Amino acid sequence: MENVKKELNALYSVSVSIFAKGYKKIVLSGIFVTKNKKCSHEKIKTKCWNFIAPQIPFEEYGISPEEVRKTFKISRIKNDFIFNEE
């Protein structure tokens, strides 16, 4: 695992709520690490959804991933250092 360099990357806390008609709400949360210091919220939403959607078996339940309603909460994580275990 490569170390994240604070001067090159930024961390964002991401929470996504997924609503499919007839089912309970699914809430997932994670951390998004940017390649550059700044990243738009739209890009974060797109990247996160492209990562999450294939992992949820929507089709098994007759749900189209394009038809689910989803809301995102994104906030930058302020930090003085970032360190990954090697």
N, C-alpha and C. Protein backbone atom coordinates (compact mmCIF):
# COMPACT_ATOMS: atom_id res chain seq x y z
N MET A 1 0.86 -1.17 0.00
CA MET A 1 0.00 0.00 0.00
C MET A 1 0.90 1.23 0.00
N GLU A 2 0.61 2.15 -0.89
CA GLU A 2 1.45 3.34 -0.96
C GLU A 2 0.93 4.41 -0.02
N ASN A 3 1.85 5.18 0.54
CA ASN A 3 1.46 6.25 1.46
C ASN A 3 0.79 7.39 0.70
N VAL A 4 -0.17 7.99 1.36
CA VAL A 4 -0.87 9.14 0.81
C VAL A 4 -0.10 10.38 1.22
N LYS A 5 0.20 11.24 0.27
CA LYS A 5 0.97 12.45 0.58
C LYS A 5 0.01 13.60 0.80
N LYS A 6 0.05 14.16 1.99
CA LYS A 6 -0.88 15.23 2.37
C LYS A 6 -0.82 16.41 1.41
N GLU A 7 0.37 16.75 0.94
CA GLU A 7 0.49 17.92 0.07
C GLU A 7 -0.08 17.67 -1.33
N LEU A 8 -0.30 16.41 -1.70
CA LEU A 8 -0.82 16.09 -3.03
C LEU A 8 -2.27 15.62 -3.02
N ASN A 9 -2.73 15.10 -1.90
CA ASN A 9 -4.05 14.48 -1.82
C ASN A 9 -4.94 15.19 -0.81
N ALA A 10 -6.24 14.96 -0.94
CA ALA A 10 -7.21 15.43 0.04
C ALA A 10 -8.14 14.27 0.36
N LEU A 11 -8.67 14.27 1.57
CA LEU A 11 -9.59 13.22 2.00
C LEU A 11 -10.99 13.80 2.15
N TYR A 12 -11.98 13.04 1.72
CA TYR A 12 -13.37 13.44 1.86
C TYR A 12 -14.15 12.31 2.50
N SER A 13 -14.99 12.65 3.45
CA SER A 13 -15.94 11.71 4.03
C SER A 13 -17.16 11.71 3.12
N VAL A 14 -17.59 10.52 2.71
CA VAL A 14 -18.72 10.41 1.79
C VAL A 14 -19.75 9.46 2.39
N SER A 15 -20.98 9.92 2.43
CA SER A 15 -22.10 9.10 2.87
C SER A 15 -23.14 9.14 1.76
N VAL A 16 -23.60 7.96 1.34
CA VAL A 16 -24.62 7.91 0.29
C VAL A 16 -25.83 7.16 0.81
N SER A 17 -27.00 7.75 0.63
CA SER A 17 -28.27 7.11 0.98
C SER A 17 -28.92 6.68 -0.33
N ILE A 18 -29.30 5.40 -0.39
CA ILE A 18 -29.88 4.84 -1.61
C ILE A 18 -31.33 4.46 -1.32
N PHE A 19 -32.23 4.97 -2.16
CA PHE A 19 -33.66 4.71 -1.99
C PHE A 19 -34.18 3.99 -3.23
N ALA A 20 -34.68 2.77 -3.03
CA ALA A 20 -35.31 2.02 -4.12
C ALA A 20 -36.77 1.80 -3.73
N LYS A 21 -37.67 2.07 -4.65
CA LYS A 21 -39.10 1.97 -4.37
C LYS A 21 -39.44 0.57 -3.84
N GLY A 22 -40.11 0.54 -2.68
CA GLY A 22 -40.52 -0.72 -2.08
C GLY A 22 -39.48 -1.34 -1.15
N TYR A 23 -38.34 -0.70 -0.98
CA TYR A 23 -37.27 -1.23 -0.13
C TYR A 23 -36.85 -0.18 0.90
N LYS A 24 -36.22 -0.66 1.96
CA LYS A 24 -35.70 0.25 2.97
C LYS A 24 -34.49 1.01 2.42
N LYS A 25 -34.24 2.14 3.02
CA LYS A 25 -33.09 2.97 2.65
C LYS A 25 -31.80 2.23 3.01
N ILE A 26 -30.82 2.32 2.12
CA ILE A 26 -29.47 1.79 2.37
C ILE A 26 -28.56 3.00 2.57
N VAL A 27 -27.77 2.99 3.64
CA VAL A 27 -26.82 4.08 3.88
C VAL A 27 -25.42 3.48 3.94
N LEU A 28 -24.54 3.98 3.09
CA LEU A 28 -23.16 3.53 3.05
C LEU A 28 -22.25 4.73 3.28
N SER A 29 -21.13 4.50 3.94
CA SER A 29 -20.19 5.60 4.16
C SER A 29 -18.78 5.13 3.87
N GLY A 30 -17.94 6.08 3.47
CA GLY A 30 -16.57 5.74 3.16
C GLY A 30 -15.71 6.98 3.09
N ILE A 31 -14.47 6.77 2.69
CA ILE A 31 -13.51 7.86 2.54
C ILE A 31 -13.03 7.87 1.09
N PHE A 32 -13.05 9.03 0.50
CA PHE A 32 -12.58 9.22 -0.87
C PHE A 32 -11.26 9.98 -0.82
N VAL A 33 -10.22 9.42 -1.44
CA VAL A 33 -8.90 10.05 -1.48
C VAL A 33 -8.69 10.59 -2.90
N THR A 34 -8.48 11.89 -3.01
CA THR A 34 -8.30 12.49 -4.33
C THR A 34 -6.88 12.27 -4.84
N LYS A 35 -6.74 12.36 -6.16
CA LYS A 35 -5.40 12.31 -6.76
C LYS A 35 -4.74 13.67 -6.68
N ASN A 36 -5.56 14.70 -6.71
CA ASN A 36 -5.07 16.08 -6.63
C ASN A 36 -5.64 16.72 -5.38
N LYS A 37 -5.15 17.89 -5.06
CA LYS A 37 -5.58 18.58 -3.85
C LYS A 37 -7.05 18.93 -3.88
N LYS A 38 -7.59 19.27 -5.06
CA LYS A 38 -8.99 19.66 -5.16
C LYS A 38 -9.73 18.71 -6.09
N CYS A 39 -11.02 18.51 -5.76
CA CYS A 39 -11.86 17.65 -6.57
C CYS A 39 -13.30 18.12 -6.40
N SER A 40 -14.05 18.22 -7.48
CA SER A 40 -15.43 18.70 -7.38
C SER A 40 -16.32 17.65 -6.73
N HIS A 41 -17.38 18.12 -6.09
CA HIS A 41 -18.32 17.19 -5.47
C HIS A 41 -18.99 16.31 -6.51
N GLU A 42 -19.24 16.85 -7.69
CA GLU A 42 -19.86 16.05 -8.76
C GLU A 42 -18.95 14.89 -9.17
N LYS A 43 -17.67 15.15 -9.27
CA LYS A 43 -16.73 14.09 -9.63
C LYS A 43 -16.67 13.04 -8.52
N ILE A 44 -16.68 13.47 -7.27
CA ILE A 44 -16.66 12.53 -6.14
C ILE A 44 -17.92 11.67 -6.17
N LYS A 45 -19.08 12.28 -6.39
CA LYS A 45 -20.34 11.53 -6.47
C LYS A 45 -20.28 10.48 -7.57
N THR A 46 -19.83 10.90 -8.75
CA THR A 46 -19.76 9.98 -9.90
C THR A 46 -18.81 8.83 -9.62
N LYS A 47 -17.62 9.14 -9.14
CA LYS A 47 -16.63 8.10 -8.87
C LYS A 47 -17.13 7.12 -7.81
N CYS A 48 -17.73 7.65 -6.74
CA CYS A 48 -18.23 6.79 -5.67
C CYS A 48 -19.37 5.91 -6.16
N TRP A 49 -20.31 6.49 -6.92
CA TRP A 49 -21.44 5.69 -7.42
C TRP A 49 -20.95 4.62 -8.39
N ASN A 50 -19.99 4.94 -9.24
CA ASN A 50 -19.44 3.95 -10.17
C ASN A 50 -18.74 2.82 -9.43
N PHE A 51 -18.23 3.09 -8.24
CA PHE A 51 -17.60 2.06 -7.42
C PHE A 51 -18.65 1.23 -6.67
N ILE A 52 -19.66 1.90 -6.12
CA ILE A 52 -20.66 1.24 -5.27
C ILE A 52 -21.68 0.42 -6.07
N ALA A 53 -22.24 1.01 -7.12
CA ALA A 53 -23.37 0.40 -7.84
C ALA A 53 -23.12 -1.04 -8.29
N PRO A 54 -21.96 -1.38 -8.86
CA PRO A 54 -21.76 -2.77 -9.31
C PRO A 54 -21.71 -3.78 -8.15
N GLN A 55 -21.50 -3.29 -6.94
CA GLN A 55 -21.38 -4.19 -5.79
C GLN A 55 -22.73 -4.51 -5.14
N ILE A 56 -23.77 -3.80 -5.55
CA ILE A 56 -25.11 -4.03 -5.00
C ILE A 56 -25.90 -4.82 -6.03
N PRO A 57 -26.46 -5.98 -5.65
CA PRO A 57 -27.17 -6.83 -6.63
C PRO A 57 -28.57 -6.31 -6.95
N PHE A 58 -28.67 -5.13 -7.53
CA PHE A 58 -29.96 -4.54 -7.86
C PHE A 58 -30.80 -5.46 -8.73
N GLU A 59 -30.18 -6.03 -9.78
CA GLU A 59 -30.92 -6.83 -10.75
C GLU A 59 -31.57 -8.05 -10.12
N GLU A 60 -30.95 -8.62 -9.09
CA GLU A 60 -31.53 -9.78 -8.40
C GLU A 60 -32.89 -9.46 -7.81
N TYR A 61 -33.13 -8.20 -7.52
CA TYR A 61 -34.38 -7.77 -6.91
C TYR A 61 -35.26 -6.99 -7.89
N GLY A 62 -34.90 -7.06 -9.16
CA GLY A 62 -35.69 -6.39 -10.19
C GLY A 62 -35.62 -4.88 -10.15
N ILE A 63 -34.49 -4.36 -9.68
CA ILE A 63 -34.31 -2.91 -9.57
C ILE A 63 -33.26 -2.47 -10.59
N SER A 64 -33.54 -1.39 -11.27
CA SER A 64 -32.56 -0.82 -12.19
C SER A 64 -31.71 0.19 -11.42
N PRO A 65 -30.39 0.06 -11.44
CA PRO A 65 -29.53 1.01 -10.71
C PRO A 65 -29.73 2.46 -11.17
N GLU A 66 -30.14 2.64 -12.42
CA GLU A 66 -30.35 3.99 -12.94
C GLU A 66 -31.61 4.63 -12.35
N GLU A 67 -32.53 3.81 -11.84
CA GLU A 67 -33.80 4.33 -11.34
C GLU A 67 -33.83 4.58 -9.84
N VAL A 68 -32.79 4.18 -9.11
CA VAL A 68 -32.79 4.42 -7.67
C VAL A 68 -32.48 5.89 -7.40
N ARG A 69 -33.04 6.38 -6.33
CA ARG A 69 -32.75 7.76 -5.91
C ARG A 69 -31.61 7.68 -4.90
N LYS A 70 -30.67 8.57 -5.02
CA LYS A 70 -29.52 8.56 -4.11
C LYS A 70 -29.17 9.99 -3.71
N THR A 71 -28.78 10.13 -2.46
CA THR A 71 -28.32 11.43 -1.98
C THR A 71 -26.94 11.24 -1.37
N PHE A 72 -26.10 12.23 -1.58
CA PHE A 72 -24.73 12.18 -1.08
C PHE A 72 -24.51 13.29 -0.07
N LYS A 73 -23.72 12.98 0.96
CA LYS A 73 -23.21 14.00 1.89
C LYS A 73 -21.69 13.89 1.79
N ILE A 74 -21.07 14.99 1.43
CA ILE A 74 -19.63 15.01 1.22
C ILE A 74 -19.03 16.12 2.06
N SER A 75 -17.98 15.78 2.81
CA SER A 75 -17.29 16.82 3.57
C SER A 75 -15.79 16.51 3.59
N ARG A 76 -15.03 17.56 3.48
CA ARG A 76 -13.57 17.41 3.49
C ARG A 76 -13.11 17.07 4.89
N ILE A 77 -12.19 16.15 4.99
CA ILE A 77 -11.62 15.77 6.28
C ILE A 77 -10.36 16.60 6.49
N LYS A 78 -10.38 17.46 7.47
CA LYS A 78 -9.20 18.28 7.79
C LYS A 78 -8.22 17.40 8.57
N ASN A 79 -6.96 17.47 8.19
CA ASN A 79 -5.96 16.64 8.86
C ASN A 79 -4.59 17.30 8.80
N ASP A 80 -3.78 16.94 9.77
CA ASP A 80 -2.40 17.43 9.81
C ASP A 80 -1.43 16.44 9.18
N PHE A 81 -1.80 15.16 9.16
CA PHE A 81 -0.98 14.17 8.49
C PHE A 81 -1.85 13.00 8.07
N ILE A 82 -1.35 12.27 7.07
CA ILE A 82 -2.00 11.05 6.61
C ILE A 82 -0.93 9.98 6.58
N PHE A 83 -1.24 8.85 7.16
CA PHE A 83 -0.25 7.78 7.20
C PHE A 83 -0.95 6.44 6.97
N ASN A 84 -0.44 5.66 6.03
CA ASN A 84 -0.96 4.32 5.77
C ASN A 84 0.00 3.29 6.36
N GLU A 85 -0.56 2.25 6.93
CA GLU A 85 0.28 1.15 7.41
C GLU A 85 0.95 0.51 6.21
N GLU A 86 2.23 0.21 6.34
CA GLU A 86 2.96 -0.41 5.22
C GLU A 86 3.02 -1.90 5.40
